[in-house]
């Protein structure tokens, strides 16, 4: 049986491939539920946009809970990792781009 430590040993740079896979799989499975929840709040978030927002949301969640991962640390580092910053901001823009506010029908 595989342990999490074994699965997390496969990396791209300092980032574990397993963490990315779990993040995107989790958001893919939760996106229908999240979209329904936000529709009740009169905000239309397409399911595809949740995939774009997965990494920006994960950085915010890790900051809130105080678990500083290598990606969070690199994103907050002022003096470098510009490609990561551009990627995260680009994903945030793509994720926000398709969100619409649902107006009440008169």
N, C-alpha and C. Protein backbone atom coordinates (compact mmCIF):
# COMPACT_ATOMS: atom_id res chain seq x y z
N UNK A 1 0.84 -1.18 0.00
CA UNK A 1 0.00 0.00 0.00
C UNK A 1 0.89 1.24 0.00
N UNK A 2 0.46 2.26 -0.74
CA UNK A 2 1.22 3.50 -0.85
C UNK A 2 0.95 4.40 0.34
N UNK A 3 1.99 5.03 0.85
CA UNK A 3 1.79 6.02 1.89
C UNK A 3 1.81 7.40 1.24
N UNK A 4 1.31 8.38 1.94
CA UNK A 4 1.28 9.75 1.41
C UNK A 4 2.71 10.26 1.20
N UNK A 5 3.62 9.90 2.08
CA UNK A 5 5.01 10.35 1.93
C UNK A 5 5.61 9.81 0.64
N UNK A 6 5.27 8.56 0.30
CA UNK A 6 5.76 7.98 -0.95
C UNK A 6 5.19 8.75 -2.15
N UNK A 7 3.89 9.03 -2.11
CA UNK A 7 3.25 9.73 -3.22
C UNK A 7 3.75 11.17 -3.34
N UNK A 8 4.11 11.79 -2.23
CA UNK A 8 4.56 13.18 -2.26
C UNK A 8 6.03 13.31 -2.63
N UNK A 9 6.73 12.21 -2.83
CA UNK A 9 8.15 12.30 -3.18
C UNK A 9 8.35 12.68 -4.65
N UNK A 10 7.35 12.49 -5.48
CA UNK A 10 7.44 12.86 -6.89
C UNK A 10 7.14 14.35 -7.01
N UNK A 11 8.11 15.09 -7.53
CA UNK A 11 8.01 16.55 -7.49
C UNK A 11 8.36 17.19 -8.82
N UNK A 12 7.83 18.39 -8.99
CA UNK A 12 8.24 19.31 -10.04
C UNK A 12 8.83 20.49 -9.29
N UNK A 13 10.13 20.61 -9.32
CA UNK A 13 10.78 21.63 -8.49
C UNK A 13 10.61 21.25 -7.03
N UNK A 14 10.04 22.18 -6.27
CA UNK A 14 9.79 21.89 -4.85
C UNK A 14 8.32 21.58 -4.58
N UNK A 15 7.53 21.40 -5.64
CA UNK A 15 6.09 21.17 -5.48
C UNK A 15 5.75 19.72 -5.76
N UNK A 16 4.98 19.11 -4.87
CA UNK A 16 4.60 17.71 -5.00
C UNK A 16 3.47 17.56 -6.03
N UNK A 17 3.67 16.66 -6.97
CA UNK A 17 2.66 16.41 -8.01
C UNK A 17 1.38 15.88 -7.36
N UNK A 18 1.51 15.09 -6.33
CA UNK A 18 0.35 14.53 -5.62
C UNK A 18 -0.54 15.64 -5.08
N UNK A 19 0.05 16.69 -4.54
CA UNK A 19 -0.74 17.80 -4.00
C UNK A 19 -1.56 18.49 -5.09
N UNK A 20 -0.94 18.70 -6.25
CA UNK A 20 -1.67 19.30 -7.37
C UNK A 20 -2.82 18.39 -7.81
N UNK A 21 -2.54 17.10 -7.93
CA UNK A 21 -3.56 16.16 -8.38
C UNK A 21 -4.75 16.13 -7.42
N UNK A 22 -4.47 16.10 -6.12
CA UNK A 22 -5.54 16.08 -5.13
C UNK A 22 -6.32 17.39 -5.15
N UNK A 23 -5.63 18.50 -5.31
CA UNK A 23 -6.30 19.80 -5.35
C UNK A 23 -7.26 19.87 -6.53
N UNK A 24 -6.77 19.54 -7.72
CA UNK A 24 -7.62 19.64 -8.91
C UNK A 24 -8.72 18.59 -8.94
N UNK A 25 -8.44 17.38 -8.45
CA UNK A 25 -9.48 16.36 -8.38
C UNK A 25 -10.56 16.76 -7.38
N UNK A 26 -10.15 17.28 -6.23
CA UNK A 26 -11.11 17.71 -5.22
C UNK A 26 -11.99 18.84 -5.71
N UNK A 27 -11.40 19.83 -6.36
CA UNK A 27 -12.20 20.96 -6.84
C UNK A 27 -13.09 20.52 -8.01
N UNK A 28 -12.61 19.57 -8.82
CA UNK A 28 -13.43 19.04 -9.91
C UNK A 28 -14.67 18.33 -9.36
N UNK A 29 -14.48 17.56 -8.29
CA UNK A 29 -15.61 16.84 -7.70
C UNK A 29 -16.54 17.77 -6.92
N UNK A 30 -16.01 18.83 -6.34
CA UNK A 30 -16.83 19.76 -5.57
C UNK A 30 -17.46 20.87 -6.40
N UNK A 31 -17.00 21.08 -7.62
CA UNK A 31 -17.47 22.21 -8.42
C UNK A 31 -18.98 22.21 -8.67
N UNK A 32 -19.65 21.07 -8.94
CA UNK A 32 -21.11 21.15 -9.10
C UNK A 32 -21.81 21.62 -7.82
N UNK A 33 -21.36 21.14 -6.68
CA UNK A 33 -21.94 21.54 -5.42
C UNK A 33 -21.67 23.02 -5.12
N UNK A 34 -20.45 23.46 -5.36
CA UNK A 34 -20.10 24.86 -5.14
C UNK A 34 -20.87 25.79 -6.07
N UNK A 35 -21.03 25.39 -7.33
CA UNK A 35 -21.78 26.21 -8.28
C UNK A 35 -23.23 26.34 -7.86
N UNK A 36 -23.85 25.24 -7.39
CA UNK A 36 -25.23 25.30 -6.89
C UNK A 36 -25.34 26.23 -5.68
N UNK A 37 -24.39 26.10 -4.78
CA UNK A 37 -24.40 26.95 -3.58
C UNK A 37 -24.30 28.42 -3.94
N UNK A 38 -23.43 28.76 -4.86
CA UNK A 38 -23.27 30.16 -5.25
C UNK A 38 -24.46 30.66 -6.07
N UNK A 39 -25.14 29.77 -6.80
CA UNK A 39 -26.35 30.19 -7.52
C UNK A 39 -27.44 30.62 -6.54
N UNK A 40 -27.50 29.96 -5.39
CA UNK A 40 -28.46 30.38 -4.36
C UNK A 40 -28.13 31.76 -3.82
N UNK A 41 -26.86 32.13 -3.88
CA UNK A 41 -26.43 33.47 -3.47
C UNK A 41 -26.49 34.45 -4.64
N UNK A 42 -27.08 34.02 -5.76
CA UNK A 42 -27.26 34.81 -6.98
C UNK A 42 -25.93 35.17 -7.65
N UNK A 43 -24.99 34.24 -7.60
CA UNK A 43 -23.71 34.39 -8.29
C UNK A 43 -23.51 33.14 -9.13
N UNK A 44 -23.34 33.33 -10.44
CA UNK A 44 -23.16 32.20 -11.35
C UNK A 44 -21.66 31.98 -11.58
N UNK A 45 -21.15 30.89 -11.03
CA UNK A 45 -19.75 30.51 -11.21
C UNK A 45 -19.74 29.21 -12.00
N UNK A 46 -19.31 29.28 -13.28
CA UNK A 46 -19.25 28.04 -14.07
C UNK A 46 -18.27 27.03 -13.45
N UNK A 47 -18.54 25.77 -13.70
CA UNK A 47 -17.71 24.72 -13.11
C UNK A 47 -16.26 24.81 -13.56
N UNK A 48 -16.04 25.22 -14.81
CA UNK A 48 -14.68 25.35 -15.34
C UNK A 48 -13.89 26.40 -14.54
N UNK A 49 -14.56 27.45 -14.10
CA UNK A 49 -13.88 28.53 -13.38
C UNK A 49 -13.36 28.06 -12.02
N UNK A 50 -14.00 27.07 -11.43
CA UNK A 50 -13.50 26.55 -10.16
C UNK A 50 -12.11 25.93 -10.33
N UNK A 51 -11.87 25.31 -11.49
CA UNK A 51 -10.54 24.73 -11.74
C UNK A 51 -9.49 25.82 -11.86
N UNK A 52 -9.84 26.95 -12.50
CA UNK A 52 -8.90 28.06 -12.57
C UNK A 52 -8.62 28.64 -11.18
N UNK A 53 -9.63 28.65 -10.34
CA UNK A 53 -9.50 29.26 -9.01
C UNK A 53 -8.90 28.32 -7.97
N UNK A 54 -8.62 27.09 -8.32
CA UNK A 54 -8.15 26.11 -7.34
C UNK A 54 -6.86 26.55 -6.65
N UNK A 55 -5.85 26.94 -7.41
CA UNK A 55 -4.57 27.33 -6.79
C UNK A 55 -4.66 28.66 -6.04
N UNK A 56 -5.31 29.71 -6.60
CA UNK A 56 -5.45 30.93 -5.79
C UNK A 56 -6.22 30.69 -4.49
N UNK A 57 -7.27 29.88 -4.54
CA UNK A 57 -8.03 29.58 -3.32
C UNK A 57 -7.17 28.80 -2.34
N UNK A 58 -6.36 27.88 -2.84
CA UNK A 58 -5.52 27.08 -1.94
C UNK A 58 -4.49 27.95 -1.21
N UNK A 59 -3.95 28.95 -1.90
CA UNK A 59 -3.01 29.85 -1.23
C UNK A 59 -3.70 30.63 -0.13
N UNK A 60 -4.90 31.14 -0.41
CA UNK A 60 -5.65 31.89 0.60
C UNK A 60 -6.01 31.00 1.79
N UNK A 61 -6.47 29.79 1.52
CA UNK A 61 -6.84 28.86 2.60
C UNK A 61 -5.62 28.51 3.45
N UNK A 62 -4.48 28.26 2.82
CA UNK A 62 -3.28 27.95 3.59
C UNK A 62 -2.85 29.13 4.45
N UNK A 63 -3.03 30.34 3.97
CA UNK A 63 -2.73 31.52 4.79
C UNK A 63 -3.67 31.63 5.98
N UNK A 64 -4.96 31.37 5.74
CA UNK A 64 -5.96 31.48 6.81
C UNK A 64 -5.69 30.47 7.92
N UNK A 65 -5.37 29.22 7.54
CA UNK A 65 -5.14 28.19 8.56
C UNK A 65 -3.72 28.21 9.11
N UNK A 66 -2.84 29.01 8.52
CA UNK A 66 -1.49 29.15 9.03
C UNK A 66 -0.53 28.04 8.61
N UNK A 67 -0.89 27.29 7.62
CA UNK A 67 -0.03 26.22 7.09
C UNK A 67 0.71 26.77 5.88
N UNK A 68 1.94 27.16 6.06
CA UNK A 68 2.71 27.77 4.99
C UNK A 68 3.40 26.66 4.18
N UNK A 69 2.89 26.43 2.98
CA UNK A 69 3.46 25.43 2.07
C UNK A 69 4.55 26.09 1.23
N UNK A 70 5.35 25.29 0.52
CA UNK A 70 6.37 25.90 -0.34
C UNK A 70 5.78 26.87 -1.37
N UNK A 71 4.61 26.54 -1.94
CA UNK A 71 4.01 27.45 -2.92
C UNK A 71 3.55 28.75 -2.27
N UNK A 72 2.95 28.66 -1.10
CA UNK A 72 2.52 29.86 -0.39
C UNK A 72 3.72 30.72 -0.03
N UNK A 73 4.77 30.08 0.46
CA UNK A 73 5.99 30.81 0.82
C UNK A 73 6.60 31.48 -0.40
N UNK A 74 6.67 30.77 -1.50
CA UNK A 74 7.24 31.34 -2.72
C UNK A 74 6.37 32.45 -3.30
N UNK A 75 5.06 32.31 -3.18
CA UNK A 75 4.17 33.36 -3.68
C UNK A 75 4.30 34.64 -2.86
N UNK A 76 4.50 34.51 -1.56
CA UNK A 76 4.62 35.68 -0.68
C UNK A 76 6.02 36.28 -0.68
N UNK A 77 7.02 35.55 -1.20
CA UNK A 77 8.38 36.04 -1.26
C UNK A 77 8.45 37.23 -2.21
N UNK A 78 8.87 38.37 -1.70
CA UNK A 78 8.88 39.61 -2.49
C UNK A 78 9.98 39.59 -3.54
N UNK A 79 11.06 38.90 -3.28
CA UNK A 79 12.24 39.00 -4.13
C UNK A 79 12.44 37.83 -5.08
N UNK A 80 11.40 37.36 -5.68
CA UNK A 80 11.59 36.28 -6.64
C UNK A 80 10.32 35.52 -6.94
N UNK A 81 10.47 34.42 -7.67
CA UNK A 81 9.37 33.52 -8.04
C UNK A 81 8.30 34.27 -8.83
N UNK A 82 8.74 35.10 -9.78
CA UNK A 82 7.81 35.92 -10.55
C UNK A 82 6.94 35.09 -11.48
N UNK A 83 7.45 33.99 -11.98
CA UNK A 83 6.65 33.13 -12.86
C UNK A 83 5.46 32.55 -12.08
N UNK A 84 5.70 32.13 -10.84
CA UNK A 84 4.62 31.62 -9.99
C UNK A 84 3.59 32.71 -9.74
N UNK A 85 4.04 33.91 -9.44
CA UNK A 85 3.13 35.03 -9.17
C UNK A 85 2.29 35.35 -10.40
N UNK A 86 2.92 35.38 -11.57
CA UNK A 86 2.18 35.65 -12.81
C UNK A 86 1.17 34.54 -13.07
N UNK A 87 1.56 33.29 -12.83
CA UNK A 87 0.65 32.16 -13.02
C UNK A 87 -0.56 32.26 -12.10
N UNK A 88 -0.34 32.53 -10.82
CA UNK A 88 -1.44 32.60 -9.85
C UNK A 88 -2.36 33.76 -10.17
N UNK A 89 -1.80 34.93 -10.49
CA UNK A 89 -2.63 36.09 -10.84
C UNK A 89 -3.39 35.81 -12.14
N UNK A 90 -2.73 35.16 -13.12
CA UNK A 90 -3.41 34.80 -14.36
C UNK A 90 -4.56 33.84 -14.13
N UNK A 91 -4.35 32.84 -13.27
CA UNK A 91 -5.43 31.91 -12.94
C UNK A 91 -6.57 32.62 -12.22
N UNK A 92 -6.24 33.56 -11.37
CA UNK A 92 -7.27 34.34 -10.67
C UNK A 92 -8.10 35.15 -11.65
N UNK A 93 -7.44 35.79 -12.60
CA UNK A 93 -8.15 36.58 -13.62
C UNK A 93 -9.04 35.67 -14.47
N UNK A 94 -8.51 34.54 -14.92
CA UNK A 94 -9.31 33.60 -15.71
C UNK A 94 -10.50 33.06 -14.90
N UNK A 95 -10.29 32.83 -13.62
CA UNK A 95 -11.37 32.31 -12.78
C UNK A 95 -12.45 33.33 -12.53
N UNK A 96 -12.08 34.57 -12.37
CA UNK A 96 -13.06 35.63 -12.10
C UNK A 96 -13.77 36.06 -13.38
N UNK A 97 -13.13 35.88 -14.52
CA UNK A 97 -13.64 36.36 -15.79
C UNK A 97 -15.04 35.84 -16.13
N UNK A 98 -15.34 34.60 -15.84
CA UNK A 98 -16.64 34.03 -16.21
C UNK A 98 -17.72 34.14 -15.15
N UNK A 99 -17.42 34.74 -14.02
CA UNK A 99 -18.41 34.84 -12.94
C UNK A 99 -19.39 35.96 -13.25
N UNK A 100 -20.67 35.66 -13.07
CA UNK A 100 -21.73 36.65 -13.34
C UNK A 100 -22.67 36.74 -12.16
N UNK A 101 -23.19 37.94 -11.94
CA UNK A 101 -24.20 38.16 -10.90
C UNK A 101 -25.56 37.94 -11.54
N UNK A 102 -26.38 37.14 -10.91
CA UNK A 102 -27.72 36.84 -11.43
C UNK A 102 -28.67 37.91 -10.91
N UNK A 103 -29.30 38.60 -11.84
CA UNK A 103 -30.24 39.66 -11.48
C UNK A 103 -31.62 39.07 -11.25
N UNK A 104 -32.40 39.70 -10.39
CA UNK A 104 -33.77 39.25 -10.15
C UNK A 104 -34.60 39.55 -11.38
N UNK A 105 -35.47 38.60 -11.71
CA UNK A 105 -36.40 38.81 -12.83
C UNK A 105 -37.60 39.61 -12.33
N UNK A 106 -38.00 40.63 -13.09
CA UNK A 106 -39.13 41.45 -12.66
C UNK A 106 -40.43 40.94 -13.20
